Protein backbone atom coordinates (compact mmCIF):
# COMPACT_ATOMS: atom_id res chain seq x y z
CA MET A 1 24.97 -5.34 101.35
CA SER A 2 25.13 -6.49 105.13
CA ARG A 3 24.59 -10.25 106.27
CA GLU A 4 21.48 -8.96 108.37
CA THR A 5 19.77 -7.40 105.03
CA LEU A 6 20.84 -10.62 103.24
CA ASN A 7 19.11 -12.73 105.74
CA ARG A 8 15.97 -10.85 104.95
CA LEU A 9 15.69 -12.14 101.50
CA PRO A 10 12.83 -14.16 100.38
CA ARG A 11 13.55 -17.67 99.10
CA ARG A 12 11.74 -16.64 95.73
CA ALA A 13 11.05 -13.63 93.52
CA LEU A 14 9.68 -13.12 90.11
CA GLY A 15 12.01 -11.38 87.36
CA VAL A 16 10.43 -10.06 83.86
CA ASP A 17 12.75 -9.08 81.06
CA VAL A 18 11.34 -6.86 78.58
CA GLY A 19 12.92 -7.34 75.00
CA GLY A 20 12.43 -6.11 71.47
CA THR A 21 11.15 -9.23 70.23
CA GLY A 22 10.02 -10.82 73.63
CA ILE A 23 8.88 -10.36 76.99
CA LYS A 24 9.82 -13.14 79.38
CA GLY A 25 9.44 -14.06 83.20
CA GLY A 26 10.20 -16.43 85.82
CA ILE A 27 9.90 -17.57 89.07
CA VAL A 28 13.72 -17.23 90.72
CA ASP A 29 15.20 -19.37 93.53
CA LEU A 30 17.38 -16.65 95.25
CA GLU A 31 19.50 -19.08 96.96
CA LYS A 32 20.58 -20.93 93.80
CA GLY A 33 20.00 -18.18 91.23
CA GLU A 34 18.12 -20.68 89.07
CA LEU A 35 14.59 -20.64 87.54
CA ILE A 36 11.85 -22.69 89.24
CA GLY A 37 9.83 -24.10 86.47
CA GLU A 38 9.87 -22.97 82.74
CA ARG A 39 9.91 -19.37 82.22
CA PHE A 40 7.04 -17.63 80.51
CA ARG A 41 7.44 -15.78 77.19
CA ILE A 42 4.90 -13.43 75.29
CA GLU A 43 5.77 -11.62 72.02
CA THR A 44 6.62 -7.97 72.46
CA PRO A 45 3.53 -6.02 71.39
CA LYS A 46 3.94 -3.67 68.29
CA PRO A 47 4.23 -0.85 68.68
CA ALA A 48 5.61 -1.56 72.21
CA THR A 49 4.06 1.24 74.04
CA PRO A 50 4.05 1.64 77.72
CA ALA A 51 0.44 0.44 78.21
CA ALA A 52 0.91 -2.28 75.88
CA VAL A 53 3.85 -3.68 77.70
CA ARG A 54 2.28 -3.17 80.82
CA ASP A 55 -0.49 -5.41 79.83
CA VAL A 56 2.14 -8.13 78.68
CA ILE A 57 4.00 -7.88 81.80
CA ALA A 58 0.60 -8.19 83.84
CA GLU A 59 -0.21 -11.17 82.07
CA ILE A 60 3.18 -12.80 82.69
CA VAL A 61 3.04 -12.10 86.20
CA ASP A 62 -0.48 -13.35 86.74
CA GLU A 63 0.68 -16.71 84.95
CA LEU A 64 3.61 -17.10 87.32
CA LEU A 65 1.73 -16.42 90.49
CA SER A 66 -0.68 -19.14 89.38
CA ARG A 67 1.62 -21.56 89.72
CA GLU A 68 2.30 -23.96 92.77
CA GLU A 69 5.81 -22.62 93.06
CA ALA A 70 4.97 -19.13 93.09
CA PRO A 71 6.12 -16.91 96.29
CA GLU A 72 3.63 -15.87 98.87
CA ARG A 73 2.09 -12.59 97.79
CA GLU A 74 2.79 -11.05 101.42
CA SER A 75 6.49 -11.60 100.53
CA LEU A 76 6.32 -10.82 96.64
CA GLY A 77 9.00 -9.02 95.15
CA VAL A 78 9.15 -8.34 91.25
CA GLY A 79 11.72 -7.08 89.36
CA VAL A 80 11.12 -5.57 85.92
CA LEU A 81 13.91 -4.88 83.23
CA ILE A 82 13.45 -2.26 80.34
CA PRO A 83 15.76 -1.78 77.51
CA GLY A 84 16.45 2.12 78.74
CA VAL A 85 18.16 4.02 81.30
CA VAL A 86 15.98 3.97 84.56
CA VAL A 87 16.61 6.59 87.29
CA ASP A 88 14.45 6.40 90.22
CA GLY A 89 11.74 4.31 88.43
CA VAL A 90 11.74 6.73 85.42
CA VAL A 91 12.83 5.87 81.80
CA HIS A 92 15.17 8.37 80.48
CA SER A 93 16.42 6.72 77.21
CA ALA A 94 14.52 4.84 74.49
CA ALA A 95 17.19 3.80 71.75
CA ASN A 96 16.14 0.32 71.76
CA ILE A 97 12.21 0.68 72.41
CA ASP A 98 9.36 2.59 71.54
CA PRO A 99 10.10 6.44 71.64
CA SER A 100 7.09 6.90 73.73
CA TRP A 101 9.16 5.23 76.60
CA MET A 102 10.76 8.62 77.05
CA ASN A 103 10.06 10.27 80.56
CA THR A 104 7.58 7.33 81.32
CA ASP A 105 7.28 6.93 85.12
CA LEU A 106 7.80 3.06 85.04
CA ASP A 107 7.00 2.52 88.69
CA ALA A 108 3.67 4.50 88.47
CA LEU A 109 2.69 2.58 85.39
CA LEU A 110 3.20 -0.76 87.19
CA SER A 111 1.96 0.28 90.64
CA ASP A 112 -1.28 -1.78 90.47
CA LEU A 113 0.72 -5.23 89.78
CA PRO A 114 0.84 -7.38 92.76
CA GLY A 115 3.86 -7.34 95.17
CA ARG A 116 6.65 -4.76 95.29
CA VAL A 117 7.82 -3.85 91.98
CA ARG A 118 11.56 -2.75 91.36
CA THR A 119 12.68 -1.51 87.86
CA LEU A 120 16.01 -1.69 86.17
CA ASN A 121 17.76 -1.31 82.84
CA ASP A 122 17.94 -4.80 81.02
CA ALA A 123 21.75 -4.98 80.73
CA ASP A 124 22.10 -3.92 84.50
CA GLY A 125 19.72 -7.04 85.39
CA ALA A 126 21.79 -9.55 83.17
CA GLY A 127 25.15 -8.12 84.48
CA LEU A 128 23.88 -8.47 88.03
CA GLY A 129 22.88 -11.98 87.33
CA GLU A 130 26.09 -13.04 86.12
CA ALA A 131 28.07 -11.50 88.60
CA ARG A 132 26.17 -13.07 91.58
CA PHE A 133 25.17 -16.48 89.99
CA GLY A 134 26.76 -16.83 86.90
CA ALA A 135 30.25 -16.44 85.29
CA GLY A 136 31.34 -13.61 87.85
CA VAL A 137 30.93 -15.67 90.86
CA GLY A 138 33.77 -15.25 93.25
CA GLN A 139 35.56 -12.43 91.17
CA GLY A 140 36.43 -9.34 93.47
CA GLY A 141 36.70 -5.88 92.01
CA SER A 142 34.69 -4.77 89.06
CA VAL A 143 33.16 -7.25 86.50
CA MET A 144 31.85 -6.11 83.28
CA THR A 145 29.11 -7.69 81.28
CA ILE A 146 28.56 -6.85 77.65
CA THR A 147 25.44 -8.15 76.42
CA LEU A 148 25.71 -8.45 72.30
CA GLY A 149 22.27 -8.27 70.48
CA THR A 150 20.38 -5.68 68.64
CA GLY A 151 22.33 -2.89 70.56
CA ILE A 152 25.22 -3.28 73.15
CA GLY A 153 24.39 -3.20 76.67
CA SER A 154 26.79 -2.98 79.48
CA ALA A 155 26.82 -3.63 83.31
CA ILE A 156 29.57 -2.83 85.94
CA VAL A 157 29.23 -4.68 89.20
CA HIS A 158 31.99 -4.07 91.55
CA ASP A 159 32.38 -6.24 94.65
CA GLY A 160 29.00 -7.45 94.23
CA VAL A 161 27.31 -4.07 94.07
CA LEU A 162 25.53 -2.77 90.69
CA VAL A 163 26.69 0.41 89.31
CA PRO A 164 23.78 1.30 87.29
CA ASN A 165 23.11 2.76 83.87
CA MET A 166 26.49 2.33 82.19
CA GLU A 167 25.52 2.74 78.51
CA LEU A 168 28.73 1.83 77.23
CA GLY A 169 27.05 0.74 73.80
CA HIS A 170 26.64 4.56 73.01
CA LEU A 171 30.18 5.51 73.32
CA GLU A 172 32.05 6.50 70.21
CA PHE A 173 34.03 3.77 68.84
CA GLU A 174 36.34 4.13 65.67
CA GLY A 175 34.15 7.19 64.52
CA GLU A 176 30.70 5.66 65.21
CA VAL A 177 28.23 4.89 68.07
CA ALA A 178 29.67 1.39 69.28
CA GLU A 179 26.47 -0.47 68.84
CA HIS A 180 25.87 0.58 65.31
CA LYS A 181 29.62 -0.87 64.54
CA ALA A 182 30.01 -3.86 67.10
CA SER A 183 26.57 -5.05 68.01
CA ALA A 184 25.42 -8.32 66.83
CA ALA A 185 22.99 -6.98 64.62
CA ALA A 186 25.78 -4.63 62.91
CA ARG A 187 27.52 -8.04 62.44
CA LYS A 188 24.70 -9.47 60.91
CA ALA A 189 23.73 -6.65 58.71
CA ALA A 190 27.39 -6.19 57.22
CA ASP A 191 27.51 -9.86 56.82
CA MET A 192 30.76 -9.90 58.91
CA PRO A 193 33.01 -13.13 59.16
CA TRP A 194 33.19 -14.45 62.62
CA ASP A 195 36.95 -13.77 62.59
CA GLU A 196 36.57 -10.23 61.66
CA TYR A 197 34.03 -9.68 64.31
CA GLY A 198 36.29 -11.05 66.94
CA LYS A 199 38.80 -8.60 65.95
CA LEU A 200 36.44 -5.80 65.89
CA LEU A 201 35.36 -6.92 69.37
CA ASN A 202 39.13 -7.11 70.74
CA ARG A 203 39.43 -3.37 69.86
CA PHE A 204 36.06 -2.23 71.38
CA LEU A 205 36.88 -4.11 74.57
CA LEU A 206 40.52 -2.63 74.79
CA HIS A 207 38.55 0.69 74.43
CA VAL A 208 36.29 -0.20 77.33
CA GLU A 209 39.30 -1.39 79.41
CA ARG A 210 41.14 1.61 79.29
CA LEU A 211 38.07 3.66 80.66
CA THR A 212 36.78 1.13 83.47
CA ALA A 213 39.63 -1.24 84.10
CA PRO A 214 37.49 -4.40 85.12
CA ARG A 215 38.91 -7.50 86.60
CA LEU A 216 36.67 -9.75 84.33
CA PHE A 217 34.60 -9.49 81.18
CA ILE A 218 31.72 -11.48 80.72
CA ILE A 219 30.33 -11.66 77.13
CA GLY A 220 26.38 -12.13 77.13
CA GLY A 221 23.57 -11.86 74.45
CA GLY A 222 22.21 -14.37 72.11
CA VAL A 223 25.18 -14.18 70.06
CA SER A 224 27.29 -15.64 72.91
CA LYS A 225 26.21 -19.13 71.89
CA ARG A 226 28.52 -18.62 69.00
CA SER A 227 31.28 -17.47 71.23
CA GLU A 228 33.77 -19.93 69.94
CA ASP A 229 33.37 -18.53 66.61
CA PHE A 230 34.81 -14.81 67.50
CA LEU A 231 36.45 -15.27 71.21
CA PRO A 232 39.68 -16.57 70.04
CA TYR A 233 40.08 -13.58 68.25
CA VAL A 234 39.84 -11.40 71.37
CA THR A 235 43.28 -11.74 72.70
CA ASP A 236 44.65 -8.36 73.81
CA THR A 237 42.55 -7.37 76.90
CA ARG A 238 44.40 -7.56 80.33
CA ALA A 239 40.98 -8.78 81.99
CA PRO A 240 39.86 -12.21 81.01
CA VAL A 241 37.02 -12.58 78.49
CA VAL A 242 34.61 -15.42 79.21
CA THR A 243 31.19 -16.28 78.03
CA ALA A 244 28.12 -15.80 80.24
CA THR A 245 26.60 -18.99 81.92
CA LEU A 246 23.06 -17.92 82.79
CA ARG A 247 22.47 -17.11 78.99
CA ASN A 248 18.87 -15.96 78.17
CA ASN A 249 17.92 -16.26 81.78
CA ALA A 250 20.65 -13.83 83.34
CA GLY A 251 18.01 -10.84 83.05
CA ILE A 252 15.26 -12.81 84.86
CA VAL A 253 17.68 -13.66 87.69
CA GLY A 254 19.22 -10.37 88.16
CA ALA A 255 15.76 -8.83 88.14
CA ALA A 256 14.46 -10.96 91.05
CA LEU A 257 17.53 -10.69 92.94
CA PHE A 258 17.44 -6.83 92.61
CA ALA A 259 13.97 -6.55 93.58
CA ALA A 260 14.17 -8.69 96.63
CA GLU A 261 17.59 -7.08 97.68
CA GLN A 262 16.14 -3.42 97.34
CA GLU A 263 12.96 -4.25 99.34
CA ALA A 264 15.10 -6.10 101.95
CA ALA A 265 17.46 -3.02 102.17
CA SER A 266 14.57 -0.81 102.47
CA GLN A 267 12.87 -2.82 105.07
CA ALA A 268 16.27 -2.78 107.23
CA LEU A 269 16.29 1.16 106.79
CA ALA A 270 12.71 1.34 108.00
CA ASP A 271 13.34 -0.73 110.98
CA GLY A 272 16.47 1.31 111.77
CA ALA A 273 14.65 4.40 111.94
CA VAL A 274 11.88 2.66 114.10
CA ASP A 275 14.49 1.71 116.57
């Protein structure tokens, strides 16, 4: 992204991260990549249908806009993350969300929210946040973020630019779908010792490395809080393997950044067309 476009970024934007158990949002300082004030969280509705989730997102946005630190509505950008493949604002997978999300026009669903809403896959948002403001700061080439939770999320950011919808958790790995074998939920279900889990992740990351050759692996998701229990057993990758630093705020930060940059880029194109 050009320096001119970056100079168009507002100072603040909103990020909302839709998860399987909770939907959380925050006001993000786009210069520091930090939340301003506390994040706001509401439990994910059951069933998590598009209409029900939309209502929760609207409630979160209203709460954040009521705060003194909220961005001005005239320049408001809102990034929303969904656990599914998102292409041109349409959801094309629903492996870890209610099946009714398949083929949902997410942009249309959220069109009545304040500001300019941009939508993205949840792992992509977390990966963008970590690459630009977290553990990947200063790293050139491809940075691969792997999130370990109910499934396995993945995101590649190359020289600061996101390559979206890299669903590497759905790769075949040792005869199974990778996330069915190597996610944090799979480890817990199998009551797998941490050292064994680390060795399993070592093999999975080697598999991913052969396909994508990143310069750096960042491990995120809730299980990253226990990284000292399993990362010592991840020893064979060429790329260094580090723990995410933004933790549970990575998605919110990445969502806000994505919304702001997409709007700035669109405005720059429009101005160029006028010129």
